[in-house]
Amino acid sequence: MASLIDTSVLVDVERGRVDFGALLDAQGDGEVAMAAITAAELLHGVHRLRTSKRKARAEALVETLLAAIPVIPFDLVCARAHARVGAELARRGITIGTHDLMIGVTALARGFSVVTRDRRSFRRIPGLEVVDLT
């Protein structure tokens, strides 16, 4: 199955807690991608850094990740899944952060699993296969 890599995993790649090569190897022959919102979260993190040395190092790594991993857009198919799943969760009184819901429905809409270190959010999305790296 194809895998959508969550921001939590890529942040830990940046922090040296997850080996990127090993992560890709673990996915085997399956396609690996990231959601557009994950790219935005990574870039946002770079822009929040205060020291130029840390910012330059983080920016270089993020740009390497963006060049190595295809980015899946949040399009109308994803928007429809977001509306359906978001409404279903709201009816059940379940809340998930907006970005995590966008990442999760991007995976659902494309038939991907989500590879994450987030133990809570993604498991709340019905029908989403979650690969927990914690």
Protein backbone atom coordinates (compact mmCIF):
# COMPACT_ATOMS: atom_id res chain seq x y z
CA MET A 1 0.00 0.00 0.00
CA ALA A 2 1.14 3.53 -0.70
CA SER A 3 2.08 5.64 2.31
CA LEU A 4 1.56 9.28 3.18
CA ILE A 5 4.29 10.40 5.57
CA ASP A 6 2.98 12.65 8.34
CA THR A 7 4.68 15.80 9.55
CA SER A 8 5.48 14.21 12.92
CA VAL A 9 7.72 11.65 11.21
CA LEU A 10 9.50 14.20 9.02
CA VAL A 11 10.12 16.51 11.99
CA ASP A 12 11.75 13.56 13.74
CA VAL A 13 13.85 12.94 10.61
CA GLU A 14 15.03 16.55 10.92
CA ARG A 15 15.79 16.06 14.62
CA GLY A 16 17.76 12.87 13.96
CA ARG A 17 15.25 10.60 15.74
CA VAL A 18 14.17 8.77 12.57
CA ASP A 19 16.52 7.52 9.86
CA PHE A 20 15.09 8.69 6.52
CA GLY A 21 16.74 5.92 4.49
CA ALA A 22 15.45 3.25 6.86
CA LEU A 23 11.99 4.82 6.73
CA LEU A 24 11.94 4.59 2.94
CA ASP A 25 13.31 1.04 3.01
CA ALA A 26 10.55 0.01 5.42
CA GLN A 27 7.96 1.12 2.87
CA GLY A 28 9.27 -1.46 0.41
CA ASP A 29 7.98 -1.03 -3.13
CA GLY A 30 5.01 1.05 -2.04
CA GLU A 31 4.69 4.65 -3.16
CA VAL A 32 5.70 7.25 -0.56
CA ALA A 33 4.36 10.82 -0.58
CA MET A 34 3.42 13.70 1.70
CA ALA A 35 0.29 15.82 1.80
CA ALA A 36 0.50 19.46 0.71
CA ILE A 37 -0.41 20.50 4.27
CA THR A 38 2.62 18.54 5.54
CA ALA A 39 4.84 20.54 3.19
CA ALA A 40 3.24 23.73 4.54
CA GLU A 41 3.81 22.64 8.15
CA LEU A 42 7.47 21.84 7.48
CA LEU A 43 8.05 25.17 5.74
CA HIS A 44 6.22 27.02 8.51
CA GLY A 45 8.58 25.42 11.02
CA VAL A 46 11.57 26.71 9.05
CA HIS A 47 10.21 30.25 9.01
CA ARG A 48 9.63 30.20 12.76
CA LEU A 49 13.28 29.51 13.57
CA ARG A 50 15.08 32.53 15.00
CA THR A 51 18.77 31.84 14.46
CA SER A 52 20.06 31.97 10.91
CA LYS A 53 22.28 28.90 11.41
CA ARG A 54 19.39 26.70 12.59
CA LYS A 55 17.11 28.14 9.94
CA ALA A 56 19.60 27.44 7.14
CA ARG A 57 20.15 23.86 8.32
CA ALA A 58 16.42 23.17 8.68
CA GLU A 59 15.61 24.81 5.36
CA ALA A 60 18.21 22.69 3.56
CA LEU A 61 16.76 19.50 5.03
CA VAL A 62 13.16 20.49 4.30
CA GLU A 63 14.04 21.34 0.70
CA THR A 64 15.79 17.96 0.40
CA LEU A 65 12.66 16.22 1.69
CA LEU A 66 10.43 18.22 -0.67
CA ALA A 67 12.65 17.23 -3.61
CA ALA A 68 12.70 13.56 -2.57
CA ILE A 69 9.05 12.98 -1.66
CA PRO A 70 6.16 13.74 -4.01
CA VAL A 71 3.60 16.19 -2.60
CA ILE A 72 -0.07 15.26 -2.97
CA PRO A 73 -2.28 18.34 -3.43
CA PHE A 74 -5.43 19.05 -1.42
CA ASP A 75 -7.86 19.09 -4.33
CA LEU A 76 -11.61 18.76 -4.81
CA VAL A 77 -11.52 15.00 -4.19
CA CYS A 78 -9.81 15.67 -0.85
CA ALA A 79 -12.20 18.53 -0.09
CA ARG A 80 -15.19 16.23 -0.56
CA ALA A 81 -13.63 13.60 1.71
CA HIS A 82 -12.83 16.33 4.26
CA ALA A 83 -16.46 17.52 4.27
CA ARG A 84 -17.86 13.98 4.60
CA VAL A 85 -15.45 12.74 7.26
CA GLY A 86 -15.45 16.03 9.17
CA ALA A 87 -19.25 16.02 9.35
CA GLU A 88 -19.31 12.38 10.45
CA LEU A 89 -16.78 13.04 13.21
CA ALA A 90 -18.65 16.15 14.36
CA ARG A 91 -21.90 14.15 14.60
CA ARG A 92 -20.06 11.71 16.85
CA GLY A 93 -18.54 14.49 18.95
CA ILE A 94 -14.99 13.65 17.84
CA THR A 95 -12.55 16.48 17.20
CA ILE A 96 -9.35 16.33 15.21
CA GLY A 97 -7.04 19.22 14.40
CA THR A 98 -7.72 20.77 11.00
CA HIS A 99 -4.30 19.94 9.58
CA ASP A 100 -4.40 16.33 10.76
CA LEU A 101 -7.87 15.90 9.28
CA MET A 102 -6.62 17.34 5.97
CA ILE A 103 -3.66 14.95 5.97
CA GLY A 104 -5.86 11.99 6.90
CA VAL A 105 -8.49 12.63 4.24
CA THR A 106 -5.79 13.21 1.63
CA ALA A 107 -4.58 9.68 2.43
CA LEU A 108 -8.13 8.28 2.37
CA ALA A 109 -8.98 9.97 -0.92
CA ARG A 110 -5.87 8.50 -2.57
CA GLY A 111 -5.98 5.04 -0.96
CA PHE A 112 -2.83 5.65 1.10
CA SER A 113 -2.01 4.73 4.67
CA VAL A 114 -0.61 7.41 7.01
CA VAL A 115 2.79 6.82 8.57
CA THR A 116 2.89 8.84 11.79
CA ARG A 117 4.20 9.24 15.31
CA ASP A 118 0.89 10.84 16.38
CA ARG A 119 -0.89 8.23 18.48
CA ARG A 120 -4.22 10.03 18.74
CA SER A 121 -5.53 11.99 15.80
CA PHE A 122 -5.31 9.71 12.79
CA ARG A 123 -6.79 6.67 14.54
CA ARG A 124 -10.03 8.66 14.93
CA ILE A 125 -10.57 8.82 11.16
CA PRO A 126 -12.83 5.94 10.07
CA GLY A 127 -11.35 3.71 7.39
CA LEU A 128 -7.85 5.21 7.51
CA GLU A 129 -4.98 2.75 7.80
CA VAL A 130 -2.44 4.11 10.27
CA VAL A 131 1.17 2.96 10.58
CA ASP A 132 2.42 4.07 13.99
CA LEU A 133 6.18 4.64 14.23
CA THR A 134 6.21 5.38 17.97
